[in-house]
């Protein structure tokens, strides 16, 4: 089955509309873009709103019990029509290969005085390394850190001890969860059931990822965080698309210089870009 890049979302949505349905969809990368794309896919899989209310099971990856998710997928729906199981922010693909990604995001959030965001990303890194939330990162030796997370221990990790993690988050048992989901995919489930997964980062070497690529559809919504001009251009293009589409949804069209002015003010913050654009559209009436 093909993989799709960010610019090919419309192609995938058109295929779903035509009835080309896969048993599983995996979307990974920038969190806001993933959530937006998941909503679009679910709306195509369950176009009738009443049917969507009955046959859509929503699961938060932070509290996910993979055994229960698999049970949903292997069980016929009580209601007529297709059943969709949607898992957002899944941890099932975590490994030390993605830990550095989460560390960078946690450090950036901490430096920007966003403690909730820093805690969320730091917890993801801890789970990726197979640790529990109550284990101290500061007390890890350099060798232990490198073994668990796959990158050198930074000089400044003292701030980690002051971070408050999100309440109610489940511990990470990614290895057994991965095996459970992999077995379910290999065995198969009723054709009317569809799994839609989203994750901020994935380890493409995992057997589970390769299996989904083989029988399902994978959508790469990641954004290059590098400092090159090409990476900056790509980030600007993402925000431009969000600004234009948000204005269009509100019946507005940007005049000369408006998009550039918003870009300068917001930077690469997709959620903030959408919110500020909505405020602008409401302000002009």
Protein backbone atom coordinates (compact mmCIF):
# COMPACT_ATOMS: atom_id res chain seq x y z
CA UNK A 1 0.00 0.00 0.00
CA UNK A 2 1.27 3.53 -0.73
CA UNK A 3 2.54 6.07 1.76
CA UNK A 4 1.33 9.66 1.54
CA UNK A 5 3.11 12.94 2.14
CA UNK A 6 1.46 16.03 3.58
CA UNK A 7 0.68 17.41 0.14
CA UNK A 8 -1.11 14.17 -0.87
CA UNK A 9 -3.86 14.23 1.76
CA UNK A 10 -6.48 15.19 -0.84
CA UNK A 11 -5.56 12.11 -2.89
CA UNK A 12 -6.07 9.81 0.09
CA UNK A 13 -9.38 11.44 1.01
CA UNK A 14 -10.60 11.05 -2.58
CA UNK A 15 -9.73 7.33 -2.49
CA UNK A 16 -11.71 6.86 0.73
CA UNK A 17 -14.68 8.70 -0.77
CA UNK A 18 -14.55 6.31 -3.75
CA UNK A 19 -14.72 3.34 -1.35
CA UNK A 20 -11.04 2.33 -1.29
CA UNK A 21 -10.90 1.56 2.43
CA UNK A 22 -7.88 0.15 4.30
CA UNK A 23 -8.14 -1.68 7.63
CA UNK A 24 -5.72 0.76 9.29
CA UNK A 25 -4.54 4.33 8.79
CA UNK A 26 -1.46 5.73 10.52
CA UNK A 27 -0.76 9.46 10.60
CA UNK A 28 2.41 10.78 12.21
CA UNK A 29 4.23 14.08 12.56
CA UNK A 30 3.14 17.57 13.62
CA UNK A 31 0.42 17.14 16.24
CA UNK A 32 -2.07 19.73 15.00
CA UNK A 33 -1.79 18.55 11.39
CA UNK A 34 -2.34 14.95 12.52
CA UNK A 35 -5.48 15.83 14.45
CA UNK A 36 -6.83 17.85 11.54
CA UNK A 37 -6.14 15.05 9.04
CA UNK A 38 -7.63 12.39 11.35
CA UNK A 39 -10.88 14.37 11.52
CA UNK A 40 -10.97 14.55 7.73
CA UNK A 41 -10.40 10.79 7.36
CA UNK A 42 -13.02 9.91 9.98
CA UNK A 43 -15.53 12.22 8.27
CA UNK A 44 -14.97 10.32 5.00
CA UNK A 45 -15.17 6.91 6.65
CA UNK A 46 -18.35 7.85 8.52
CA UNK A 47 -19.97 10.59 6.40
CA UNK A 48 -23.35 10.38 8.15
CA UNK A 49 -23.24 12.36 11.42
CA UNK A 50 -25.70 10.09 13.21
CA UNK A 51 -23.73 7.01 12.17
CA UNK A 52 -20.54 8.73 13.30
CA UNK A 53 -21.98 9.33 16.77
CA UNK A 54 -22.85 5.63 17.08
CA UNK A 55 -19.91 3.92 15.37
CA UNK A 56 -16.88 6.05 16.26
CA UNK A 57 -14.86 4.95 19.30
CA UNK A 58 -12.49 7.67 20.52
CA UNK A 59 -9.40 6.62 22.47
CA UNK A 60 -6.78 8.93 24.00
CA UNK A 61 -3.38 7.33 23.53
CA UNK A 62 -2.24 8.60 26.91
CA UNK A 63 -4.75 6.29 28.62
CA UNK A 64 -4.94 3.60 25.94
CA UNK A 65 -5.26 -0.06 26.85
CA UNK A 66 -4.14 -1.73 23.61
CA UNK A 67 -5.83 -5.01 24.58
CA UNK A 68 -9.16 -3.18 24.76
CA UNK A 69 -8.48 -1.42 21.44
CA UNK A 70 -7.82 -4.78 19.80
CA UNK A 71 -10.99 -6.18 21.37
CA UNK A 72 -13.02 -3.36 19.80
CA UNK A 73 -11.46 -4.06 16.41
CA UNK A 74 -12.10 -7.80 16.57
CA UNK A 75 -15.75 -7.38 17.61
CA UNK A 76 -18.64 -6.70 15.24
CA UNK A 77 -20.44 -3.42 15.88
CA UNK A 78 -23.85 -3.50 17.54
CA UNK A 79 -24.98 -0.89 15.03
CA UNK A 80 -25.26 -1.09 11.25
CA UNK A 81 -22.46 0.34 9.13
CA UNK A 82 -18.73 0.77 9.46
CA UNK A 83 -17.06 0.95 12.90
CA UNK A 84 -14.05 3.26 13.31
CA UNK A 85 -11.66 3.13 16.26
CA UNK A 86 -9.66 6.35 16.53
CA UNK A 87 -6.56 6.51 18.73
CA UNK A 88 -4.93 9.93 19.11
CA UNK A 89 -1.38 10.48 20.42
CA UNK A 90 -0.61 6.77 20.40
CA UNK A 91 2.50 5.62 22.28
CA UNK A 92 2.66 2.23 20.60
CA UNK A 93 5.46 3.28 18.21
CA UNK A 94 7.71 4.75 20.87
CA UNK A 95 11.32 3.62 21.18
CA UNK A 96 14.61 5.27 21.99
CA UNK A 97 14.87 6.14 18.29
CA UNK A 98 12.25 8.88 18.85
CA UNK A 99 13.34 9.97 22.36
CA UNK A 100 15.59 12.82 21.12
CA UNK A 101 12.65 14.27 19.21
CA UNK A 102 10.62 14.51 22.42
CA UNK A 103 13.55 15.86 24.45
CA UNK A 104 14.06 18.73 22.01
CA UNK A 105 10.36 19.60 22.15
CA UNK A 106 10.27 19.39 25.96
CA UNK A 107 13.36 21.63 26.31
CA UNK A 108 11.94 24.16 23.85
CA UNK A 109 8.62 24.26 25.75
CA UNK A 110 10.49 24.68 29.06
CA UNK A 111 12.56 27.55 27.63
CA UNK A 112 9.34 29.20 26.41
CA UNK A 113 7.80 28.91 29.92
CA UNK A 114 5.16 26.40 28.83
CA UNK A 115 5.31 23.88 31.72
CA UNK A 116 2.27 21.81 30.68
CA UNK A 117 3.66 21.27 27.21
CA UNK A 118 7.13 20.52 28.58
CA UNK A 119 5.68 17.91 30.94
CA UNK A 120 3.74 16.22 28.15
CA UNK A 121 6.80 15.87 25.90
CA UNK A 122 9.12 14.85 28.72
CA UNK A 123 6.68 12.10 29.72
CA UNK A 124 6.65 10.86 26.12
CA UNK A 125 10.46 10.68 26.18
CA UNK A 126 10.39 8.76 29.47
CA UNK A 127 7.92 6.23 28.02
CA UNK A 128 10.00 5.95 24.85
CA UNK A 129 12.95 4.91 27.01
CA UNK A 130 10.84 2.35 28.86
CA UNK A 131 10.94 4.17 32.21
CA UNK A 132 8.17 5.01 34.66
CA UNK A 133 7.20 8.62 35.34
CA UNK A 134 8.41 8.49 38.95
CA UNK A 135 12.00 7.63 38.00
CA UNK A 136 14.43 10.56 38.25
CA UNK A 137 16.11 11.65 35.03
CA UNK A 138 18.62 13.74 36.95
CA UNK A 139 20.01 10.68 38.72
CA UNK A 140 20.69 8.73 35.53
CA UNK A 141 24.37 8.39 34.68
CA UNK A 142 25.56 9.47 31.24
CA UNK A 143 25.90 5.81 30.23
CA UNK A 144 22.39 4.93 31.46
CA UNK A 145 20.92 7.95 29.66
CA UNK A 146 22.62 7.00 26.37
CA UNK A 147 21.47 3.39 26.66
CA UNK A 148 17.85 4.32 27.42
CA UNK A 149 17.35 7.26 25.08
CA UNK A 150 19.95 6.81 22.36
CA UNK A 151 21.59 10.26 22.67
CA UNK A 152 24.15 11.87 24.97
CA UNK A 153 22.93 13.21 28.29
CA UNK A 154 22.62 17.03 28.08
CA UNK A 155 24.57 19.19 30.51
CA UNK A 156 21.43 20.84 31.92
CA UNK A 157 18.79 18.38 33.09
CA UNK A 158 18.08 19.87 36.53
CA UNK A 159 14.85 21.48 35.32
CA UNK A 160 13.38 18.02 34.65
CA UNK A 161 12.82 17.48 38.36
CA UNK A 162 10.49 20.48 38.55
CA UNK A 163 8.26 19.42 35.65
CA UNK A 164 4.72 18.30 36.49
CA UNK A 165 3.45 15.49 34.29
CA UNK A 166 -0.13 15.35 32.95
CA UNK A 167 -2.55 13.70 35.35
CA UNK A 168 -3.98 10.28 34.61
CA UNK A 169 -1.35 9.16 32.12
CA UNK A 170 -0.79 5.47 31.70
CA UNK A 171 2.62 3.87 32.00
CA UNK A 172 4.42 2.70 28.90
CA UNK A 173 4.42 -0.98 28.03
CA UNK A 174 5.14 -0.37 24.37
CA UNK A 175 6.85 -3.67 23.59
CA UNK A 176 3.98 -5.93 24.67
CA UNK A 177 1.43 -3.50 23.22
CA UNK A 178 3.22 -3.52 19.89
CA UNK A 179 3.24 -7.32 19.79
CA UNK A 180 -0.46 -7.44 20.64
CA UNK A 181 -1.41 -4.99 17.87
CA UNK A 182 0.93 -6.68 15.38
CA UNK A 183 -0.70 -10.05 16.07
CA UNK A 184 -4.16 -8.53 15.57
CA UNK A 185 -3.14 -7.01 12.23
CA UNK A 186 -1.69 -10.30 11.02
CA UNK A 187 -4.81 -12.19 12.06
CA UNK A 188 -7.13 -9.52 10.67
CA UNK A 189 -10.46 -8.17 11.96
CA UNK A 190 -13.96 -7.79 10.49
CA UNK A 191 -13.84 -5.85 7.21
CA UNK A 192 -16.29 -3.25 8.52
CA UNK A 193 -13.88 -2.18 11.29
CA UNK A 194 -11.19 0.45 10.67
CA UNK A 195 -8.37 1.65 12.94
CA UNK A 196 -7.14 5.26 12.65
CA UNK A 197 -3.94 5.95 14.61
CA UNK A 198 -2.04 9.20 15.08
CA UNK A 199 1.37 9.68 16.69
CA UNK A 200 3.82 12.56 16.92
CA UNK A 201 6.81 10.33 16.26
CA UNK A 202 7.33 6.77 15.04
CA UNK A 203 10.21 4.34 14.79
CA UNK A 204 9.99 3.22 11.16
CA UNK A 205 12.14 0.17 11.90
CA UNK A 206 9.42 -1.41 14.02
CA UNK A 207 7.64 -4.45 12.62
CA UNK A 208 4.31 -2.81 13.45
CA UNK A 209 5.10 0.22 11.29
CA UNK A 210 6.15 -1.97 8.39
CA UNK A 211 3.01 -4.10 8.73
CA UNK A 212 0.79 -1.02 8.58
CA UNK A 213 2.70 0.17 5.52
CA UNK A 214 2.06 -3.22 3.94
CA UNK A 215 -1.70 -3.53 4.52
CA UNK A 216 -2.86 -0.02 5.38
CA UNK A 217 -2.06 3.61 4.63
CA UNK A 218 0.65 5.75 6.23
CA UNK A 219 0.49 9.55 6.12
CA UNK A 220 3.69 11.48 6.91
CA UNK A 221 2.80 14.91 8.35
CA UNK A 222 6.18 15.61 9.91
CA UNK A 223 7.79 19.03 9.53
CA UNK A 224 11.52 19.64 9.13
CA UNK A 225 12.65 21.45 12.28
CA UNK A 226 16.10 22.25 10.85
CA UNK A 227 17.65 25.68 10.43
CA UNK A 228 18.11 25.50 6.64
CA UNK A 229 16.29 27.85 4.30
CA UNK A 230 14.47 24.88 2.77
CA UNK A 231 13.17 23.81 6.20
CA UNK A 232 12.03 27.37 6.98
CA UNK A 233 10.30 27.58 3.61
CA UNK A 234 8.49 24.31 4.32
CA UNK A 235 7.32 25.53 7.74
CA UNK A 236 6.11 28.80 6.24
CA UNK A 237 4.17 26.88 3.58
CA UNK A 238 2.38 24.85 6.28
CA UNK A 239 1.32 27.98 8.18
CA UNK A 240 0.27 29.74 4.97
CA UNK A 241 -1.97 26.82 4.05
CA UNK A 242 -3.54 26.85 7.52
CA UNK A 243 -4.15 30.60 7.42
CA UNK A 244 -5.72 30.52 3.96
CA UNK A 245 -7.92 27.50 4.71
CA UNK A 246 -9.07 28.97 8.06
CA UNK A 247 -10.08 32.23 6.40
CA UNK A 248 -11.87 30.32 3.61
CA UNK A 249 -13.87 28.31 6.16
CA UNK A 250 -15.03 31.60 7.68
CA UNK A 251 -15.96 33.09 4.31
CA UNK A 252 -12.95 35.40 4.14
CA UNK A 253 -10.06 35.96 1.78
CA UNK A 254 -6.77 37.59 2.76
CA UNK A 255 -5.88 40.93 1.22
CA UNK A 256 -2.35 41.97 0.16
CA UNK A 257 0.20 41.53 2.94
CA UNK A 258 -2.19 39.96 5.46
CA UNK A 259 -0.71 36.44 5.34
CA UNK A 260 2.87 37.75 5.55
CA UNK A 261 1.95 39.92 8.55
CA UNK A 262 0.34 36.98 10.35
CA UNK A 263 3.35 34.78 9.57
CA UNK A 264 5.71 37.35 11.09
CA UNK A 265 3.61 37.60 14.26
CA UNK A 266 2.82 33.93 14.83
CA UNK A 267 5.82 31.96 13.52
CA UNK A 268 5.57 28.18 13.34
CA UNK A 269 2.83 27.57 15.89
CA UNK A 270 -0.06 25.89 13.99
CA UNK A 271 -2.60 26.12 16.82
CA UNK A 272 -1.79 29.78 17.50
CA UNK A 273 -1.88 30.54 13.76
CA UNK A 274 -5.41 29.17 13.43
CA UNK A 275 -6.66 30.87 16.60
CA UNK A 276 -5.24 34.28 15.67
CA UNK A 277 -6.66 34.00 12.14
CA UNK A 278 -10.09 33.17 13.57
CA UNK A 279 -9.88 36.23 15.83
CA UNK A 280 -8.96 38.41 12.86
CA UNK A 281 -11.85 37.07 10.78
CA UNK A 282 -14.31 37.65 13.62
CA UNK A 283 -12.97 41.13 14.25
CA UNK A 284 -13.53 42.31 10.66
CA UNK A 285 -17.06 40.86 10.81
